[in-house]
Amino acid sequence: MFERGFVKRSGVTIVGWTVGFLVVNLMFLFALPWLHQHLRCRFILLLLWAIPSSRIVEIGYAFYNDAFDQLEGFQPRSGLKRSQRLKLLGCSYFEVAVCYASLYLALPDTAFHNHPARPFESLYFSWITITTTGFGDIFPYSTFARTLCMSELGVGLMLIVFAVGAYFSYKGNGPDAKD
């Protein structure tokens, strides 16, 4: 059931699933400029948005439910220990930033002041946004871009504040409870 401490679901570990999606999303982020040049159909580009968007929702939903399970005193559905969940949270936090970077990069140039035109610039802006640093060198102009930034802030804060707080406050009978 356990492989190096991480639960297997359908033959794939939770960490393997997360790392796999992180790699896919990084490849998508760095392939996006090429896709913009070679795929003239905006509809196909919008469909490609489903990859990072669905992963953001999945990560947010999983950690939100896990935090509430911890607060309610339920056994973790994942079977992961608290330390393992925190490691997974760190990887997922970075993955959310990568996913939002892909979404920012796909927006039109008019959506931002000093639009992040390359993958690393987009990742930089996403990381500055999710960590609430906000240097101000890049900022959203359009309503959609502002809404996207607000959702990244919400997901990022939920992952860090809410999930970490719930993990540290729970003292139940879980797999990592102290006697």
C-alpha atoms as a PDB file:
ATOM      1  CA  MET A   1       0.000   0.000   0.000  1.00  0.00           C
ATOM      2  CA  PHE A   2       2.773   2.469   0.897  1.00  0.00           C
ATOM      3  CA  GLU A   3       5.689   3.186  -1.373  1.00  0.00           C
ATOM      4  CA  ARG A   4       8.377   5.297   0.297  1.00  0.00           C
ATOM      5  CA  GLY A   5       5.649   6.657   2.562  1.00  0.00           C
ATOM      6  CA  PHE A   6       3.231   7.778  -0.110  1.00  0.00           C
ATOM      7  CA  VAL A   7      -0.054   6.019  -0.787  1.00  0.00           C
ATOM      8  CA  LYS A   8      -0.590   4.321  -4.127  1.00  0.00           C
ATOM      9  CA  ARG A   9      -3.885   4.948  -5.877  1.00  0.00           C
ATOM     10  CA  SER A  10      -4.493   2.850  -8.981  1.00  0.00           C
ATOM     11  CA  GLY A  11      -0.800   2.036  -9.256  1.00  0.00           C
ATOM     12  CA  VAL A  12       0.342   5.698  -9.131  1.00  0.00           C
ATOM     13  CA  THR A  13       1.580   7.402  -5.994  1.00  0.00           C
ATOM     14  CA  ILE A  14       0.095  10.744  -5.023  1.00  0.00           C
ATOM     15  CA  VAL A  15       3.525  12.352  -5.291  1.00  0.00           C
ATOM     16  CA  GLY A  16       4.103  10.695  -8.673  1.00  0.00           C
ATOM     17  CA  TRP A  17       0.790  12.133  -9.865  1.00  0.00           C
ATOM     18  CA  THR A  18       1.711  15.607  -8.603  1.00  0.00           C
ATOM     19  CA  VAL A  19       5.233  15.590 -10.016  1.00  0.00           C
ATOM     20  CA  GLY A  20       3.914  14.270 -13.334  1.00  0.00           C
ATOM     21  CA  PHE A  21       1.416  17.108 -13.598  1.00  0.00           C
ATOM     22  CA  LEU A  22       4.078  19.620 -12.576  1.00  0.00           C
ATOM     23  CA  VAL A  23       6.290  18.428 -15.430  1.00  0.00           C
ATOM     24  CA  VAL A  24       3.369  18.536 -17.888  1.00  0.00           C
ATOM     25  CA  ASN A  25       2.478  22.065 -16.796  1.00  0.00           C
ATOM     26  CA  LEU A  26       6.096  23.249 -17.050  1.00  0.00           C
ATOM     27  CA  MET A  27       6.301  21.787 -20.569  1.00  0.00           C
ATOM     28  CA  PHE A  28       3.008  23.473 -21.437  1.00  0.00           C
ATOM     29  CA  LEU A  29       4.261  26.821 -20.075  1.00  0.00           C
ATOM     30  CA  PHE A  30       7.457  26.734 -22.108  1.00  0.00           C
ATOM     31  CA  ALA A  31       5.685  25.414 -25.235  1.00  0.00           C
ATOM     32  CA  LEU A  32       3.000  28.088 -25.138  1.00  0.00           C
ATOM     33  CA  PRO A  33       4.892  30.701 -27.220  1.00  0.00           C
ATOM     34  CA  TRP A  34       5.436  28.091 -29.938  1.00  0.00           C
ATOM     35  CA  LEU A  35       1.760  27.113 -29.778  1.00  0.00           C
ATOM     36  CA  HIS A  36       0.740  30.757 -30.175  1.00  0.00           C
ATOM     37  CA  GLN A  37       2.847  31.045 -33.323  1.00  0.00           C
ATOM     38  CA  HIS A  38       1.740  27.789 -34.929  1.00  0.00           C
ATOM     39  CA  LEU A  39      -1.866  27.442 -33.808  1.00  0.00           C
ATOM     40  CA  ARG A  40      -3.819  30.246 -35.394  1.00  0.00           C
ATOM     41  CA  CYS A  41      -7.119  28.955 -34.057  1.00  0.00           C
ATOM     42  CA  ARG A  42      -7.967  30.758 -30.802  1.00  0.00           C
ATOM     43  CA  PHE A  43     -10.518  28.056 -29.963  1.00  0.00           C
ATOM     44  CA  ILE A  44      -7.770  25.419 -29.700  1.00  0.00           C
ATOM     45  CA  LEU A  45      -5.729  27.747 -27.476  1.00  0.00           C
ATOM     46  CA  LEU A  46      -8.750  28.222 -25.234  1.00  0.00           C
ATOM     47  CA  LEU A  47      -9.152  24.457 -25.008  1.00  0.00           C
ATOM     48  CA  LEU A  48      -5.515  24.205 -23.962  1.00  0.00           C
ATOM     49  CA  TRP A  49      -6.371  26.502 -21.038  1.00  0.00           C
ATOM     50  CA  ALA A  50      -8.289  23.557 -19.604  1.00  0.00           C
ATOM     51  CA  ILE A  51      -5.013  21.864 -18.621  1.00  0.00           C
ATOM     52  CA  PRO A  52      -3.744  24.445 -16.096  1.00  0.00           C
ATOM     53  CA  SER A  53      -7.237  25.619 -15.096  1.00  0.00           C
ATOM     54  CA  SER A  54      -8.461  22.159 -14.167  1.00  0.00           C
ATOM     55  CA  ARG A  55      -5.287  21.407 -12.236  1.00  0.00           C
ATOM     56  CA  ILE A  56      -5.638  24.621 -10.199  1.00  0.00           C
ATOM     57  CA  VAL A  57      -9.191  23.637  -9.283  1.00  0.00           C
ATOM     58  CA  GLU A  58      -8.139  20.080  -8.433  1.00  0.00           C
ATOM     59  CA  ILE A  59      -5.302  21.205  -6.146  1.00  0.00           C
ATOM     60  CA  GLY A  60      -7.411  23.839  -4.417  1.00  0.00           C
ATOM     61  CA  TYR A  61     -10.284  21.417  -3.874  1.00  0.00           C
ATOM     62  CA  ALA A  62      -8.042  18.636  -2.540  1.00  0.00           C
ATOM     63  CA  PHE A  63      -6.211  20.783  -0.009  1.00  0.00           C
ATOM     64  CA  TYR A  64      -9.403  22.596   1.036  1.00  0.00           C
ATOM     65  CA  ASN A  65     -11.111  19.278   1.795  1.00  0.00           C
ATOM     66  CA  ASP A  66      -7.999  17.873   3.465  1.00  0.00           C
ATOM     67  CA  ALA A  67      -7.775  20.890   5.774  1.00  0.00           C
ATOM     68  CA  PHE A  68     -11.434  20.555   6.774  1.00  0.00           C
ATOM     69  CA  ASP A  69     -10.980  16.825   7.354  1.00  0.00           C
ATOM     70  CA  GLN A  70      -8.089  17.664   9.667  1.00  0.00           C
ATOM     71  CA  LEU A  71     -10.152  20.219  11.572  1.00  0.00           C
ATOM     72  CA  GLU A  72     -13.066  17.785  11.918  1.00  0.00           C
ATOM     73  CA  GLY A  73     -10.746  15.065  13.228  1.00  0.00           C
ATOM     74  CA  PHE A  74     -11.263  12.633  10.350  1.00  0.00           C
ATOM     75  CA  GLN A  75      -8.577  10.275   9.165  1.00  0.00           C
ATOM     76  CA  PRO A  76      -6.842  11.697   6.071  1.00  0.00           C
ATOM     77  CA  ARG A  77      -8.305  10.248   2.872  1.00  0.00           C
ATOM     78  CA  SER A  78      -4.888  10.335   1.282  1.00  0.00           C
ATOM     79  CA  GLY A  79      -3.287   8.184   3.973  1.00  0.00           C
ATOM     80  CA  LEU A  80      -0.369  10.611   4.048  1.00  0.00           C
ATOM     81  CA  LYS A  81       1.308  11.699   7.253  1.00  0.00           C
ATOM     82  CA  ARG A  82       1.270  15.367   8.177  1.00  0.00           C
ATOM     83  CA  SER A  83       4.885  15.882   7.072  1.00  0.00           C
ATOM     84  CA  GLN A  84       4.159  14.197   3.738  1.00  0.00           C
ATOM     85  CA  ARG A  85       1.111  16.402   3.187  1.00  0.00           C
ATOM     86  CA  LEU A  86       3.234  19.490   3.862  1.00  0.00           C
ATOM     87  CA  LYS A  87       5.813  18.351   1.297  1.00  0.00           C
ATOM     88  CA  LEU A  88       3.018  17.744  -1.187  1.00  0.00           C
ATOM     89  CA  LEU A  89       1.618  21.185  -0.380  1.00  0.00           C
ATOM     90  CA  GLY A  90       4.965  22.809  -1.241  1.00  0.00           C
ATOM     91  CA  CYS A  91       5.126  21.034  -4.596  1.00  0.00           C
ATOM     92  CA  SER A  92       1.482  21.860  -5.306  1.00  0.00           C
ATOM     93  CA  TYR A  93       2.011  25.528  -4.380  1.00  0.00           C
ATOM     94  CA  PHE A  94       4.757  25.768  -7.010  1.00  0.00           C
ATOM     95  CA  GLU A  95       2.582  23.907  -9.525  1.00  0.00           C
ATOM     96  CA  VAL A  96      -0.274  26.372  -9.023  1.00  0.00           C
ATOM     97  CA  ALA A  97       2.155  29.219  -9.771  1.00  0.00           C
ATOM     98  CA  VAL A  98       3.259  27.417 -12.957  1.00  0.00           C
ATOM     99  CA  CYS A  99      -0.360  26.881 -14.011  1.00  0.00           C
ATOM    100  CA  TYR A 100      -1.222  30.550 -13.509  1.00  0.00           C
ATOM    101  CA  ALA A 101       1.936  31.523 -15.414  1.00  0.00           C
ATOM    102  CA  SER A 102       0.586  29.583 -18.412  1.00  0.00           C
ATOM    103  CA  LEU A 103      -2.725  31.391 -18.149  1.00  0.00           C
ATOM    104  CA  TYR A 104      -1.034  34.818 -17.938  1.00  0.00           C
ATOM    105  CA  LEU A 105       1.198  34.043 -20.899  1.00  0.00           C
ATOM    106  CA  ALA A 106      -1.828  33.164 -23.020  1.00  0.00           C
ATOM    107  CA  LEU A 107      -3.552  36.503 -22.362  1.00  0.00           C
ATOM    108  CA  PRO A 108      -3.345  39.243 -25.012  1.00  0.00           C
ATOM    109  CA  ASP A 109      -0.661  41.926 -24.730  1.00  0.00           C
ATOM    110  CA  THR A 110      -3.259  44.530 -23.738  1.00  0.00           C
ATOM    111  CA  ALA A 111      -4.138  42.597 -20.553  1.00  0.00           C
ATOM    112  CA  PHE A 112      -0.993  43.781 -18.705  1.00  0.00           C
ATOM    113  CA  HIS A 113       1.273  46.752 -18.323  1.00  0.00           C
ATOM    114  CA  ASN A 114       4.661  45.360 -19.378  1.00  0.00           C
ATOM    115  CA  HIS A 115       3.039  42.074 -20.484  1.00  0.00           C
ATOM    116  CA  PRO A 116       5.019  38.956 -19.545  1.00  0.00           C
ATOM    117  CA  ALA A 117       5.909  37.904 -23.088  1.00  0.00           C
ATOM    118  CA  ARG A 118       8.190  34.953 -22.300  1.00  0.00           C
ATOM    119  CA  PRO A 119       7.608  31.908 -20.093  1.00  0.00           C
ATOM    120  CA  PHE A 120      10.112  32.913 -17.412  1.00  0.00           C
ATOM    121  CA  GLU A 121       8.647  36.430 -17.176  1.00  0.00           C
ATOM    122  CA  SER A 122       5.209  34.933 -16.781  1.00  0.00           C
ATOM    123  CA  LEU A 123       6.454  32.538 -14.092  1.00  0.00           C
ATOM    124  CA  TYR A 124       8.157  35.468 -12.355  1.00  0.00           C
ATOM    125  CA  PHE A 125       4.902  37.470 -12.348  1.00  0.00           C
ATOM    126  CA  SER A 126       2.922  34.460 -11.139  1.00  0.00           C
ATOM    127  CA  TRP A 127       5.371  33.792  -8.299  1.00  0.00           C
ATOM    128  CA  ILE A 128       5.334  37.460  -7.280  1.00  0.00           C
ATOM    129  CA  THR A 129       1.520  37.343  -7.293  1.00  0.00           C
ATOM    130  CA  ILE A 130       1.021  34.077  -5.400  1.00  0.00           C
ATOM    131  CA  THR A 131       3.494  35.110  -2.702  1.00  0.00           C
ATOM    132  CA  THR A 132       1.728  38.523  -2.435  1.00  0.00           C
ATOM    133  CA  THR A 133       5.021  40.354  -3.004  1.00  0.00           C
ATOM    134  CA  GLY A 134       3.786  42.492  -5.908  1.00  0.00           C
ATOM    135  CA  PHE A 135       6.785  44.515  -7.084  1.00  0.00           C
ATOM    136  CA  GLY A 136       4.643  46.539  -9.501  1.00  0.00           C
ATOM    137  CA  ASP A 137       6.848  46.146 -12.579  1.00  0.00           C
ATOM    138  CA  ILE A 138       4.102  44.044 -14.209  1.00  0.00           C
ATOM    139  CA  PHE A 139       0.453  44.589 -13.375  1.00  0.00           C
ATOM    140  CA  PRO A 140      -2.889  43.673 -14.928  1.00  0.00           C
ATOM    141  CA  TYR A 141      -4.904  46.186 -16.972  1.00  0.00           C
ATOM    142  CA  SER A 142      -7.896  44.179 -18.111  1.00  0.00           C
ATOM    143  CA  THR A 143     -10.714  43.037 -15.859  1.00  0.00           C
ATOM    144  CA  PHE A 144     -10.101  39.413 -16.778  1.00  0.00           C
ATOM    145  CA  ALA A 145      -6.387  39.626 -15.956  1.00  0.00           C
ATOM    146  CA  ARG A 146      -7.198  41.307 -12.632  1.00  0.00           C
ATOM    147  CA  THR A 147      -9.745  38.591 -11.846  1.00  0.00           C
ATOM    148  CA  LEU A 148      -7.166  35.927 -12.672  1.00  0.00           C
ATOM    149  CA  CYS A 149      -4.652  37.593 -10.331  1.00  0.00           C
ATOM    150  CA  MET A 150      -7.248  37.793  -7.557  1.00  0.00           C
ATOM    151  CA  SER A 151      -8.043  34.102  -7.963  1.00  0.00           C
ATOM    152  CA  GLU A 152      -4.326  33.247  -7.781  1.00  0.00           C
ATOM    153  CA  LEU A 153      -4.042  35.246  -4.571  1.00  0.00           C
ATOM    154  CA  GLY A 154      -7.063  33.434  -3.159  1.00  0.00           C
ATOM    155  CA  VAL A 155      -5.794  29.973  -4.049  1.00  0.00           C
ATOM    156  CA  GLY A 156      -2.275  30.759  -2.850  1.00  0.00           C
ATOM    157  CA  LEU A 157      -3.444  32.149   0.472  1.00  0.00           C
ATOM    158  CA  MET A 158      -5.826  29.244   0.945  1.00  0.00           C
ATOM    159  CA  LEU A 159      -3.036  26.752   0.323  1.00  0.00           C
ATOM    160  CA  ILE A 160      -0.559  28.387   2.652  1.00  0.00           C
ATOM    161  CA  VAL A 161      -2.600  29.906   5.453  1.00  0.00           C
ATOM    162  CA  PHE A 162      -5.598  27.643   5.635  1.00  0.00           C
ATOM    163  CA  ALA A 163      -4.053  24.262   4.838  1.00  0.00           C
ATOM    164  CA  VAL A 164      -0.829  24.755   6.812  1.00  0.00           C
ATOM    165  CA  GLY A 165      -2.768  26.148   9.777  1.00  0.00           C
ATOM    166  CA  ALA A 166      -5.082  23.155   9.769  1.00  0.00           C
ATOM    167  CA  TYR A 167      -2.170  20.708   9.546  1.00  0.00           C
ATOM    168  CA  PHE A 168      -0.341  22.245  12.487  1.00  0.00           C
ATOM    169  CA  SER A 169      -3.419  22.672  14.664  1.00  0.00           C
ATOM    170  CA  TYR A 170      -4.827  19.141  14.352  1.00  0.00           C
ATOM    171  CA  LYS A 171      -3.939  16.835  17.212  1.00  0.00           C
ATOM    172  CA  GLY A 172      -6.135  13.849  16.435  1.00  0.00           C
ATOM    173  CA  ASN A 173      -5.664  10.138  16.105  1.00  0.00           C
ATOM    174  CA  GLY A 174      -4.178  10.276  12.617  1.00  0.00           C
ATOM    175  CA  PRO A 175      -1.117   8.369  11.410  1.00  0.00           C
ATOM    176  CA  ASP A 176       1.228  11.013  12.801  1.00  0.00           C
ATOM    177  CA  ALA A 177      -0.471  11.686  16.146  1.00  0.00           C
ATOM    178  CA  LYS A 178       1.779  11.762  19.183  1.00  0.00           C
ATOM    179  CA  ASP A 179       0.988   9.491  22.122  1.00  0.00           C
END
